Protein backbone atom coordinates (compact mmCIF):
# COMPACT_ATOMS: atom_id res chain seq x y z
CA UNK A 1 -37.08 -88.61 -68.70
CA UNK A 2 -36.08 -85.64 -71.18
CA UNK A 3 -37.80 -87.32 -73.91
CA UNK A 4 -41.03 -87.81 -71.84
CA UNK A 5 -41.01 -84.18 -70.85
CA UNK A 6 -40.74 -83.08 -74.58
CA UNK A 7 -43.53 -85.29 -75.53
CA UNK A 8 -45.72 -83.94 -72.69
CA UNK A 9 -45.12 -80.36 -73.94
CA UNK A 10 -45.66 -81.33 -77.29
CA UNK A 11 -49.02 -82.88 -76.39
CA UNK A 12 -49.77 -79.51 -74.52
CA UNK A 13 -49.74 -77.16 -77.81
CA UNK A 14 -52.79 -76.11 -78.83
CA UNK A 15 -51.83 -73.71 -81.86
CA UNK A 16 -49.94 -75.45 -84.77
CA UNK A 17 -49.80 -72.28 -87.61
CA UNK A 18 -46.79 -70.50 -88.69
CA UNK A 19 -45.87 -67.16 -87.57
CA UNK A 20 -46.92 -64.23 -90.03
CA UNK A 21 -43.38 -62.72 -91.47
CA UNK A 22 -44.88 -60.19 -93.96
CA UNK A 23 -46.21 -56.91 -92.59
CA UNK A 24 -47.02 -53.48 -94.14
CA UNK A 25 -45.80 -50.27 -92.34
CA UNK A 26 -46.64 -46.64 -93.89
CA UNK A 27 -48.09 -48.53 -96.93
CA UNK A 28 -44.82 -50.63 -97.84
CA UNK A 29 -44.57 -54.14 -97.49
CA UNK A 30 -41.37 -55.45 -95.36
CA UNK A 31 -40.46 -58.96 -94.19
CA UNK A 32 -39.47 -60.06 -90.67
CA UNK A 33 -37.61 -62.89 -89.23
CA UNK A 34 -40.26 -65.32 -87.23
CA UNK A 35 -39.59 -65.34 -83.46
CA UNK A 36 -41.85 -67.94 -82.57
CA UNK A 37 -42.53 -71.25 -83.98
CA UNK A 38 -45.25 -73.67 -84.55
CA UNK A 39 -47.11 -74.07 -81.42
CA UNK A 40 -45.92 -70.85 -80.04
CA UNK A 41 -42.40 -72.00 -79.22
CA UNK A 42 -39.81 -69.12 -79.06
CA UNK A 43 -37.11 -69.35 -81.54
CA UNK A 44 -33.39 -69.02 -80.69
CA UNK A 45 -32.05 -68.70 -84.19
CA UNK A 46 -31.86 -65.80 -86.84
CA UNK A 47 -31.33 -63.67 -83.36
CA UNK A 48 -28.91 -60.97 -83.13
CA UNK A 49 -26.41 -60.88 -80.11
CA UNK A 50 -26.16 -58.21 -77.63
CA UNK A 51 -22.58 -57.59 -79.12
CA UNK A 52 -24.21 -57.13 -82.75
CA UNK A 53 -27.01 -55.04 -81.47
CA UNK A 54 -24.36 -52.89 -79.77
CA UNK A 55 -22.31 -52.66 -83.05
CA UNK A 56 -25.11 -51.83 -85.01
CA UNK A 57 -26.41 -48.96 -82.76
CA UNK A 58 -23.12 -47.34 -82.99
CA UNK A 59 -22.99 -47.70 -86.71
CA UNK A 60 -24.50 -44.77 -89.16
CA UNK A 61 -25.49 -45.32 -92.51
CA UNK A 62 -23.39 -44.78 -95.37
CA UNK A 63 -24.74 -41.97 -97.55
CA UNK A 64 -24.16 -41.72 -101.10
CA UNK A 65 -21.36 -39.06 -100.89
CA UNK A 66 -19.17 -41.01 -98.37
CA UNK A 67 -19.15 -42.00 -94.78
CA UNK A 68 -21.09 -40.07 -92.43
CA UNK A 69 -19.38 -37.33 -90.30
CA UNK A 70 -19.24 -37.91 -86.38
CA UNK A 71 -20.48 -35.67 -83.71
CA UNK A 72 -18.22 -33.67 -82.15
CA UNK A 73 -16.85 -34.72 -78.67
CA UNK A 74 -18.36 -33.31 -75.52
CA UNK A 75 -16.66 -30.15 -74.40
CA UNK A 76 -13.80 -30.61 -71.62
CA UNK A 77 -14.73 -29.50 -68.13
CA UNK A 78 -12.13 -29.40 -65.85
CA UNK A 79 -12.25 -31.11 -62.33
CA UNK A 80 -12.29 -27.58 -60.26
CA UNK A 81 -15.39 -27.03 -62.40
CA UNK A 82 -17.00 -30.34 -62.01
CA UNK A 83 -16.63 -30.70 -58.45
CA UNK A 84 -16.65 -27.05 -57.67
CA UNK A 85 -18.35 -26.69 -53.93
CA UNK A 86 -18.51 -30.72 -53.81
CA UNK A 87 -17.20 -31.48 -50.45
CA UNK A 88 -17.39 -34.77 -48.68
CA UNK A 89 -18.19 -34.35 -44.86
CA UNK A 90 -17.49 -37.26 -42.25
CA UNK A 91 -18.14 -37.18 -38.05
CA UNK A 92 -15.36 -38.35 -36.29
CA UNK A 93 -13.78 -37.67 -32.95
CA UNK A 94 -10.16 -38.20 -31.28
CA UNK A 95 -9.40 -39.09 -27.52
CA UNK A 96 -6.78 -36.99 -25.39
CA UNK A 97 -5.18 -37.63 -22.33
CA UNK A 98 -5.86 -35.16 -19.35
CA UNK A 99 -2.89 -35.93 -16.77
CA UNK A 100 -3.32 -33.12 -14.10
CA UNK A 101 -7.14 -33.32 -13.49
CA UNK A 102 -8.98 -35.16 -10.43
CA UNK A 103 -12.17 -35.33 -12.16
CA UNK A 104 -11.34 -36.61 -15.88
CA UNK A 105 -8.42 -38.93 -16.87
CA UNK A 106 -9.19 -38.56 -20.79
CA UNK A 107 -11.20 -36.02 -22.87
CA UNK A 108 -13.12 -36.94 -25.98
CA UNK A 109 -13.26 -34.26 -28.71
CA UNK A 110 -15.79 -34.19 -31.58
CA UNK A 111 -14.63 -33.01 -35.13
CA UNK A 112 -15.63 -32.70 -38.75
CA UNK A 113 -13.14 -33.93 -41.41
CA UNK A 114 -13.97 -32.10 -44.77
CA UNK A 115 -12.52 -33.52 -48.25
CA UNK A 116 -12.91 -31.14 -51.25
CA UNK A 117 -13.13 -32.95 -54.29
CA UNK A 118 -12.10 -30.15 -56.67
CA UNK A 119 -8.25 -30.46 -55.36
CA UNK A 120 -8.45 -33.39 -53.25
CA UNK A 121 -7.48 -31.14 -50.21
CA UNK A 122 -8.56 -32.04 -46.57
CA UNK A 123 -9.51 -29.92 -43.26
CA UNK A 124 -10.30 -30.68 -39.96
CA UNK A 125 -12.67 -28.33 -37.83
CA UNK A 126 -13.86 -28.63 -34.42
CA UNK A 127 -17.42 -26.98 -33.33
CA UNK A 128 -16.64 -24.26 -30.98
CA UNK A 129 -18.01 -24.89 -27.51
CA UNK A 130 -18.72 -21.55 -25.25
CA UNK A 131 -16.54 -21.53 -22.20
CA UNK A 132 -14.86 -25.02 -23.06
CA UNK A 133 -11.36 -23.51 -22.33
CA UNK A 134 -9.87 -25.11 -25.23
CA UNK A 135 -8.67 -23.66 -28.50
CA UNK A 136 -11.40 -25.34 -30.72
CA UNK A 137 -12.01 -24.23 -34.35
CA UNK A 138 -10.03 -25.08 -37.20
CA UNK A 139 -7.42 -27.96 -36.12
CA UNK A 140 -5.99 -28.58 -39.50
CA UNK A 141 -6.01 -25.77 -42.36
CA UNK A 142 -7.33 -26.99 -45.92
CA UNK A 143 -4.42 -28.79 -47.80
CA UNK A 144 -3.53 -31.81 -48.92
CA UNK A 145 -2.58 -34.09 -46.01
CA UNK A 146 0.10 -36.68 -46.33
CA UNK A 147 -0.65 -40.23 -46.17
CA UNK A 148 3.33 -41.77 -45.71
CA UNK A 149 6.74 -40.98 -45.61
CA UNK A 150 6.65 -42.01 -49.79
CA UNK A 151 5.02 -38.78 -50.67
CA UNK A 152 1.41 -40.29 -50.88
CA UNK A 153 -1.61 -38.05 -49.99
CA UNK A 154 -5.03 -39.27 -48.48
CA UNK A 155 -7.67 -39.70 -51.48
CA UNK A 156 -11.15 -40.12 -51.08
CA UNK A 157 -10.81 -43.71 -51.56
CA UNK A 158 -9.19 -44.28 -48.09
CA UNK A 159 -11.82 -42.68 -46.38
CA UNK A 160 -14.73 -45.01 -44.82
CA UNK A 161 -17.14 -45.17 -41.93
CA UNK A 162 -15.87 -47.16 -39.16
CA UNK A 163 -12.29 -46.66 -39.81
CA UNK A 164 -9.33 -44.94 -38.12
CA UNK A 165 -7.18 -42.28 -40.08
CA UNK A 166 -4.13 -40.87 -38.68
CA UNK A 167 -2.81 -37.19 -39.27
CA UNK A 168 0.33 -35.74 -37.85
CA UNK A 169 0.34 -38.02 -35.02
CA UNK A 170 -3.15 -37.76 -34.11
CA UNK A 171 -5.74 -40.33 -34.62
CA UNK A 172 -9.27 -39.86 -35.71
CA UNK A 173 -12.23 -42.26 -35.36
CA UNK A 174 -14.36 -42.12 -38.46
CA UNK A 175 -18.28 -42.77 -37.26
CA UNK A 176 -20.67 -41.61 -40.04
CA UNK A 177 -20.96 -38.90 -43.05
CA UNK A 178 -23.38 -37.18 -44.17
CA UNK A 179 -26.36 -38.24 -47.35
CA UNK A 180 -24.20 -36.50 -50.21
CA UNK A 181 -20.89 -38.14 -49.08
CA UNK A 182 -22.75 -41.65 -48.74
CA UNK A 183 -24.39 -41.03 -52.30
CA UNK A 184 -20.96 -40.05 -54.14
CA UNK A 185 -19.03 -43.13 -52.65
CA UNK A 186 -21.74 -45.73 -53.38
CA UNK A 187 -21.80 -44.02 -56.99
CA UNK A 188 -18.17 -44.75 -57.16
CA UNK A 189 -18.46 -48.37 -56.32
CA UNK A 190 -17.37 -48.06 -52.69
CA UNK A 191 -18.88 -50.29 -50.31
CA UNK A 192 -19.39 -48.02 -46.92
CA UNK A 193 -19.34 -49.68 -43.66
CA UNK A 194 -22.25 -49.31 -41.33
CA UNK A 195 -22.38 -46.12 -39.37
CA UNK A 196 -21.32 -45.89 -35.63
CA UNK A 197 -22.63 -43.96 -32.50
CA UNK A 198 -20.78 -40.79 -31.88
CA UNK A 199 -18.92 -40.89 -28.51
CA UNK A 200 -19.77 -38.28 -26.14
CA UNK A 201 -17.18 -36.63 -23.54
CA UNK A 202 -18.21 -38.28 -20.17
CA UNK A 203 -16.70 -34.88 -18.15
CA UNK A 204 -18.92 -32.64 -20.20
CA UNK A 205 -22.21 -34.83 -20.00
CA UNK A 206 -21.88 -34.76 -15.89
CA UNK A 207 -21.56 -31.05 -16.04
CA UNK A 208 -24.57 -30.66 -18.48
CA UNK A 209 -26.63 -33.18 -16.58
CA UNK A 210 -25.94 -32.92 -12.84
CA UNK A 211 -27.05 -35.60 -10.39
CA UNK A 212 -29.26 -33.89 -8.07
CA UNK A 213 -30.05 -35.29 -4.69
CA UNK A 214 -32.18 -33.70 -2.43
CA UNK A 215 -33.65 -34.96 1.03
CA UNK A 216 -36.58 -32.00 1.36
CA UNK A 217 -39.42 -32.81 -1.28
CA UNK A 218 -39.30 -31.52 -5.03
CA UNK A 219 -42.12 -29.42 -4.32
CA UNK A 220 -40.91 -27.35 -1.56
CA UNK A 221 -41.84 -23.66 -2.16
CA UNK A 222 -38.82 -21.64 -0.93
CA UNK A 223 -40.85 -18.14 -1.43
CA UNK A 224 -43.72 -19.49 0.77
CA UNK A 225 -41.03 -20.39 3.39
CA UNK A 226 -39.31 -16.70 3.23
CA UNK A 227 -42.90 -15.18 3.77
CA UNK A 228 -43.88 -17.30 6.68
CA UNK A 229 -40.78 -17.29 8.83
CA UNK A 230 -39.27 -13.86 7.52
CA UNK A 231 -37.44 -12.25 10.39
CA UNK A 232 -37.79 -15.19 12.43
CA UNK A 233 -34.45 -16.38 14.14
CA UNK A 234 -33.66 -19.27 16.60
CA UNK A 235 -31.05 -18.43 19.12
CA UNK A 236 -28.86 -21.06 20.92
CA UNK A 237 -26.23 -20.84 23.34
CA UNK A 238 -23.25 -22.74 23.02
CA UNK A 239 -19.52 -23.27 23.70
CA UNK A 240 -16.64 -24.63 21.66
CA UNK A 241 -14.09 -26.65 24.00
CA UNK A 242 -10.32 -26.03 22.11
CA UNK A 243 -8.48 -26.88 25.43
CA UNK A 244 -6.85 -29.80 23.58
CA UNK A 245 -4.71 -27.48 21.03
CA UNK A 246 -1.92 -25.30 22.34
CA UNK A 247 -3.23 -22.10 23.69
CA UNK A 248 -6.81 -23.20 23.51
CA UNK A 249 -9.64 -22.41 25.78
CA UNK A 250 -13.42 -22.99 26.02
CA UNK A 251 -15.36 -20.07 24.67
CA UNK A 252 -18.77 -19.09 24.32
CA UNK A 253 -20.94 -18.38 21.08
CA UNK A 254 -24.45 -17.47 19.92
CA UNK A 255 -25.75 -19.65 17.10
CA UNK A 256 -28.36 -18.14 14.83
CA UNK A 257 -30.45 -20.35 12.55
CA UNK A 258 -32.84 -18.05 10.54
CA UNK A 259 -35.95 -20.05 9.41
CA UNK A 260 -36.87 -17.93 6.38
CA UNK A 261 -33.61 -19.71 4.06
CA UNK A 262 -32.29 -22.28 6.77
CA UNK A 263 -29.12 -20.20 7.03
CA UNK A 264 -26.90 -20.47 10.03
CA UNK A 265 -24.69 -17.52 11.57
CA UNK A 266 -22.16 -18.50 14.92
CA UNK A 267 -21.49 -14.97 16.60
CA UNK A 268 -18.61 -14.63 19.51
CA UNK A 269 -19.67 -13.53 22.58
CA UNK A 270 -17.43 -10.63 23.60
CA UNK A 271 -16.66 -9.69 27.07
CA UNK A 272 -14.70 -6.16 28.26
CA UNK A 273 -11.21 -6.83 29.16
CA UNK A 274 -11.26 -10.41 27.92
CA UNK A 275 -7.90 -9.87 26.08
CA UNK A 276 -9.37 -10.23 22.62
CA UNK A 277 -10.35 -8.41 19.60
CA UNK A 278 -13.92 -7.95 19.34
CA UNK A 279 -14.74 -9.86 16.01
CA UNK A 280 -18.35 -10.26 16.02
CA UNK A 281 -18.77 -13.19 13.70
CA UNK A 282 -16.89 -16.28 13.68
CA UNK A 283 -19.19 -18.03 10.59
CA UNK A 284 -21.10 -15.64 8.55
CA UNK A 285 -24.78 -16.30 7.54
CA UNK A 286 -24.72 -19.34 4.96
CA UNK A 287 -26.28 -22.85 4.28
CA UNK A 288 -24.30 -25.27 6.12
CA UNK A 289 -23.57 -28.85 4.91
CA UNK A 290 -24.38 -31.45 7.51
CA UNK A 291 -23.73 -34.56 4.97
CA UNK A 292 -21.61 -35.09 1.96
CA UNK A 293 -21.69 -37.13 -1.27
CA UNK A 294 -19.12 -40.05 -1.09
CA UNK A 295 -16.32 -38.10 -2.68
CA UNK A 296 -13.54 -39.61 -4.47
CA UNK A 297 -10.04 -40.28 -3.10
CA UNK A 298 -8.67 -37.48 -5.37
CA UNK A 299 -11.11 -34.69 -4.09
CA UNK A 300 -9.71 -32.25 -2.01
CA UNK A 301 -10.73 -31.98 1.73
CA UNK A 302 -11.00 -28.31 1.72
CA UNK A 303 -12.61 -26.62 -0.68
CA UNK A 304 -13.52 -22.74 -1.49
CA UNK A 305 -16.96 -23.34 -2.88
CA UNK A 306 -19.34 -25.99 -1.85
CA UNK A 307 -22.16 -26.68 -4.86
CA UNK A 308 -25.27 -28.84 -4.58
CA UNK A 309 -23.67 -31.56 -6.13
CA UNK A 310 -21.28 -32.48 -3.21
CA UNK A 311 -23.99 -32.03 -0.50
CA UNK A 312 -26.47 -34.64 0.29
CA UNK A 313 -28.18 -32.93 3.22
CA UNK A 314 -28.07 -29.40 4.58
CA UNK A 315 -28.41 -28.37 8.43
CA UNK A 316 -31.98 -27.67 9.26
CA UNK A 317 -33.95 -26.62 12.52
CA UNK A 318 -33.96 -30.51 13.70
CA UNK A 319 -30.70 -30.63 13.94
CA UNK A 320 -30.15 -28.23 17.01
CA UNK A 321 -31.35 -29.08 20.56
CA UNK A 322 -30.22 -28.20 23.88
CA UNK A 323 -28.16 -30.60 25.60
CA UNK A 324 -26.51 -32.02 22.26
CA UNK A 325 -23.51 -31.28 20.55
CA UNK A 326 -23.45 -30.12 16.44
CA UNK A 327 -20.36 -29.98 14.30
CA UNK A 328 -20.20 -26.79 12.24
CA UNK A 329 -17.34 -26.57 9.69
CA UNK A 330 -15.21 -28.74 11.76
CA UNK A 331 -15.76 -27.14 15.11
CA UNK A 332 -17.77 -28.90 17.66
CA UNK A 333 -20.29 -26.60 19.49
CA UNK A 334 -21.97 -27.81 22.76
CA UNK A 335 -25.48 -26.37 23.12
CA UNK A 336 -26.46 -25.64 26.65
CA UNK A 337 -29.31 -23.21 26.45
CA UNK A 338 -31.69 -21.28 24.02
CA UNK A 339 -33.92 -18.66 24.24
CA UNK A 340 -37.71 -17.80 24.96
CA UNK A 341 -39.07 -17.84 21.00
CA UNK A 342 -36.91 -20.90 20.24
CA UNK A 343 -38.78 -22.81 23.11
CA UNK A 344 -41.72 -21.89 21.64
CA UNK A 345 -41.10 -22.79 18.37
CA UNK A 346 -39.84 -26.09 19.09
CA UNK A 347 -42.82 -27.07 21.45
CA UNK A 348 -45.47 -25.93 18.70
CA UNK A 349 -43.73 -27.25 15.68
CA UNK A 350 -42.18 -30.42 17.17
CA UNK A 351 -43.57 -31.14 20.43
CA UNK A 352 -40.47 -30.98 21.94
CA UNK A 353 -40.82 -29.39 25.71
CA UNK A 354 -37.50 -30.70 27.32
CA UNK A 355 -35.52 -27.65 27.62
CA UNK A 356 -33.49 -27.84 30.44
CA UNK A 357 -30.56 -25.72 30.64
CA UNK A 358 -27.26 -27.24 30.83
CA UNK A 359 -24.40 -26.27 32.59
CA UNK A 360 -21.66 -25.37 30.16
CA UNK A 361 -18.28 -26.82 30.68
CA UNK A 362 -15.80 -25.24 33.02
CA UNK A 363 -13.74 -23.22 31.10
CA UNK A 364 -10.54 -22.85 33.66
CA UNK A 365 -11.08 -19.13 34.80
CA UNK A 366 -12.41 -18.32 38.18
CA UNK A 367 -14.41 -20.97 39.89
CA UNK A 368 -17.64 -23.13 38.55
CA UNK A 369 -19.72 -20.59 40.14
CA UNK A 370 -18.49 -17.92 37.44
CA UNK A 371 -19.19 -20.41 34.56
CA UNK A 372 -22.52 -20.99 36.42
CA UNK A 373 -23.66 -17.63 35.51
CA UNK A 374 -23.40 -17.99 31.92
CA UNK A 375 -26.71 -19.93 32.17
CA UNK A 376 -28.38 -17.22 33.49
CA UNK A 377 -27.48 -14.02 31.59
CA UNK A 378 -25.52 -13.32 28.22
CA UNK A 379 -23.39 -10.97 30.12
CA UNK A 380 -22.90 -12.93 33.60
CA UNK A 381 -22.48 -11.33 36.70
CA UNK A 382 -20.07 -12.03 39.32
CA UNK A 383 -21.50 -14.54 42.07
CA UNK A 384 -22.82 -13.26 45.45
CA UNK A 385 -20.34 -13.99 48.40
CA UNK A 386 -21.09 -14.64 51.85
CA UNK A 387 -20.11 -11.11 53.40
CA UNK A 388 -21.08 -12.45 56.90
CA UNK A 389 -18.68 -15.24 56.77
CA UNK A 390 -15.84 -13.17 55.28
CA UNK A 391 -16.43 -10.65 58.18
CA UNK A 392 -16.50 -13.18 60.89
CA UNK A 393 -13.38 -15.24 59.41
CA UNK A 394 -11.41 -12.82 58.32
CA UNK A 395 -7.83 -13.28 58.76
CA UNK A 396 -8.24 -16.71 60.22
CA UNK A 397 -6.09 -19.05 58.59
CA UNK A 398 -5.42 -22.84 59.38
CA UNK A 399 -2.05 -23.76 58.36
CA UNK A 400 -1.03 -27.67 58.03
CA UNK A 401 2.37 -29.14 57.21
CA UNK A 402 2.06 -31.33 54.18
CA UNK A 403 4.71 -33.79 52.50
CA UNK A 404 4.73 -34.78 48.94
CA UNK A 405 3.98 -38.38 47.89
CA UNK A 406 6.20 -39.41 44.86
CA UNK A 407 8.09 -42.41 43.57
CA UNK A 408 11.12 -39.90 43.49
CA UNK A 409 12.77 -40.22 46.56
CA UNK A 410 14.00 -36.63 46.74
CA UNK A 411 10.39 -35.23 46.45
CA UNK A 412 9.76 -37.27 49.51
CA UNK A 413 12.26 -35.09 51.32
CA UNK A 414 10.38 -31.70 50.44
CA UNK A 415 8.22 -29.90 52.86
CA UNK A 416 5.04 -27.70 52.39
CA UNK A 417 2.85 -25.17 54.13
CA UNK A 418 -0.76 -26.03 53.36
CA UNK A 419 -2.92 -22.61 54.46
CA UNK A 420 -6.78 -22.96 54.42
CA UNK A 421 -8.40 -19.61 54.47
CA UNK A 422 -11.42 -19.99 56.55
CA UNK A 423 -13.24 -16.52 54.84
CA UNK A 424 -13.52 -17.99 51.49
CA UNK A 425 -12.83 -21.53 51.86
CA UNK A 426 -9.49 -21.39 49.68
CA UNK A 427 -6.06 -23.56 49.63
CA UNK A 428 -2.74 -22.31 49.08
CA UNK A 429 0.52 -24.11 49.14
CA UNK A 430 3.72 -22.68 49.81
CA UNK A 431 7.20 -24.40 49.76
CA UNK A 432 9.69 -22.70 52.06
CA UNK A 433 13.00 -22.50 50.27
CA UNK A 434 15.81 -24.89 51.71
CA UNK A 435 19.62 -23.93 50.64
CA UNK A 436 21.48 -26.24 48.77
CA UNK A 437 18.56 -28.53 47.92
CA UNK A 438 18.63 -27.88 44.52
CA UNK A 439 14.97 -27.05 44.31
CA UNK A 440 13.60 -23.60 44.01
CA UNK A 441 10.98 -22.96 46.65
CA UNK A 442 7.97 -20.45 46.89
CA UNK A 443 4.63 -20.34 45.91
CA UNK A 444 3.34 -23.74 44.81
CA UNK A 445 0.00 -23.46 44.45
CA UNK A 446 -2.18 -19.82 44.36
CA UNK A 447 -5.39 -19.21 46.40
CA UNK A 448 -8.18 -21.53 45.10
CA UNK A 449 -11.05 -24.09 45.71
CA UNK A 450 -9.47 -27.76 45.45
CA UNK A 451 -12.19 -30.24 44.44
CA UNK A 452 -12.40 -33.71 45.77
CA UNK A 453 -11.35 -36.75 43.71
CA UNK A 454 -14.47 -37.94 41.90
CA UNK A 455 -16.43 -34.42 42.01
CA UNK A 456 -18.26 -33.18 38.83
CA UNK A 457 -19.18 -29.75 37.42
CA UNK A 458 -23.02 -30.68 38.11
CA UNK A 459 -22.41 -31.40 41.93
CA UNK A 460 -19.08 -30.20 42.98
CA UNK A 461 -17.57 -31.15 46.49
CA UNK A 462 -14.53 -29.21 47.82
CA UNK A 463 -12.23 -30.21 50.73
CA UNK A 464 -12.89 -28.70 54.30
CA UNK A 465 -11.33 -28.43 57.61
CA UNK A 466 -13.08 -31.54 58.62
CA UNK A 467 -11.09 -33.28 55.98
CA UNK A 468 -7.92 -31.97 57.03
CA UNK A 469 -7.02 -34.55 59.87
CA UNK A 470 -3.19 -35.97 60.71
CA UNK A 471 -2.16 -38.58 58.31
CA UNK A 472 -5.19 -37.86 55.71
CA UNK A 473 -4.01 -37.33 52.11
CA UNK A 474 -5.45 -34.93 49.86
CA UNK A 475 -5.35 -34.67 46.05
CA UNK A 476 -4.36 -31.20 44.35
CA UNK A 477 -4.97 -31.13 40.98
CA UNK A 478 -3.15 -34.43 40.46
CA UNK A 479 -0.73 -34.26 43.27
CA UNK A 480 -1.20 -36.16 46.42
CA UNK A 481 -0.05 -34.61 49.91
CA UNK A 482 -0.14 -36.40 53.36
CA UNK A 483 -0.54 -34.24 56.43
CA UNK A 484 2.10 -34.55 58.45
CA UNK A 485 1.80 -31.59 61.38
CA UNK A 486 -0.70 -28.62 62.08
CA UNK A 487 -0.52 -25.44 64.09
CA UNK A 488 -1.82 -24.92 67.40
CA UNK A 489 -4.22 -22.63 66.36
CA UNK A 490 -6.16 -25.19 64.21
CA UNK A 491 -6.45 -27.18 67.54
CA UNK A 492 -7.52 -24.30 69.49
CA UNK A 493 -9.68 -23.27 66.50
CA UNK A 494 -11.65 -26.72 66.53
CA UNK A 495 -12.11 -27.16 70.31
CA UNK A 496 -13.76 -23.65 70.41
CA UNK A 497 -16.26 -24.54 67.50
CA UNK A 498 -16.17 -28.33 68.19
CA UNK A 499 -20.11 -28.55 67.25
CA UNK A 500 -18.87 -27.68 63.80
CA UNK A 501 -16.21 -30.72 63.20
CA UNK A 502 -16.68 -34.30 63.44
CA UNK A 503 -15.12 -36.07 66.67
CA UNK A 504 -12.73 -38.02 64.41
CA UNK A 505 -10.76 -35.09 63.37
CA UNK A 506 -10.84 -33.57 66.48
CA UNK A 507 -9.47 -36.47 68.27
CA UNK A 508 -6.86 -36.64 65.77
CA UNK A 509 -5.31 -33.31 66.30
CA UNK A 510 -5.38 -34.19 70.18
CA UNK A 511 -3.44 -37.09 69.79
CA UNK A 512 -1.06 -35.35 67.41
CA UNK A 513 -0.58 -32.34 70.32
CA UNK A 514 -0.74 -34.50 73.43
CA UNK A 515 2.93 -35.29 73.73
CA UNK A 516 3.90 -31.94 72.97
CA UNK A 517 1.47 -30.77 75.83
CA UNK A 518 3.04 -33.30 78.51
CA UNK A 519 6.62 -31.99 77.39
CA UNK A 520 5.36 -28.40 77.87
CA UNK A 521 3.96 -28.89 81.31
CA UNK A 522 6.99 -30.62 82.37
CA UNK A 523 9.10 -27.92 81.45
CA UNK A 524 6.78 -25.40 83.21
CA UNK A 525 6.96 -27.60 86.15
């Protein structure tokens, strides 16, 4: 096959002349060695090698008067002059732990590593960030940084992209370098690693671009709201039931909702001689949060300032309604009424027409009629009394003897006197002291109206003389009493007013007093 290829090449040749070896230059003839043979085939004989050409280029022709003088060597340039202001710059970062923080567990700090070629010194500088709270700037001053314990120092050959370098116990991760550094290292035959992305601090990025979530639309115009609803305030009357805590009570408040900026204010209702200092405001005017963002377990439950980042929804006018409860800063308020402007606003804005005032819960002071007066006026007045009834039944008292129902045998022997005052329908209970009984007698229950079991604040029912029969049971604030005896005045009063009492009540008293009357008549005979 090689022979066939050579013959085919010879058959393809078209020129068979010899190459010219004699030439003229500047009027002088000179010979030259042929480079191409017959047929234009290149010749490789009589050719100088590259080494011979380099040797000939370095040699100078010898003159008649001796060898030629060599050129003086180039001037010596020191390193601090040759590499003056030539600095290699690498972008790096390091990670440090944050043990005493609920928001971040580690921190990423970006730095710049500078290598000075003139004296092989290094420095580490962190860019200063305003209000960072960290001592930034020059972290490592310029000097030759030790590499190990053998006395070696870091050289520019030890630096590359995508590598970790440890200086004084802190590990720096080099991610990239500037164009001058890349060109210099590649010119020195150093192969650079591909650049990496810079790692940013997650907490700093979170503070720089907070996640905002709003329920209201983004195109909401606060200036228009202020100009439209300026000086327009919704007023609600509410109560706060704190009776479950020690020394707690049911107190009345006024809730103001300012339509101009959706702020809420809670003011106390001060009454004369109520035993409290006249502090006018319970909650100052502010925006109150309704729904919070899902917080972490380490987030404190009580904070001094609440920003928009922690709140998902704020209180608006829709969150207040008559007859419902609302929780403001941990206190549950029951709204039982509102003013006329508030009714008109809800009727025009939301189409709500049900504004039936609700009787506020009984606060434990006075009677239920006293609590009902809070619905009629901000400064309640005492309820009216039946003066005619009080004058007709003045000093008329029905007295009964009652026994206490108790699983304790000692309490069953105790006897009490129950007095029913006909002038104001109040009941009092007195226990006569018994010597050497071990029980201190005296007033057991002050004058008050006693409600029947199952009575509600909306429809209260109280004990009346018709309910007091011999053998009947009366429940007084969780204690049960059984009527065992009565005064003869009770029977005489009921017989004189028989049309006002049930027949069963009158008959029970007659049956109870009949044996006594028989004994009295026998004694008179």
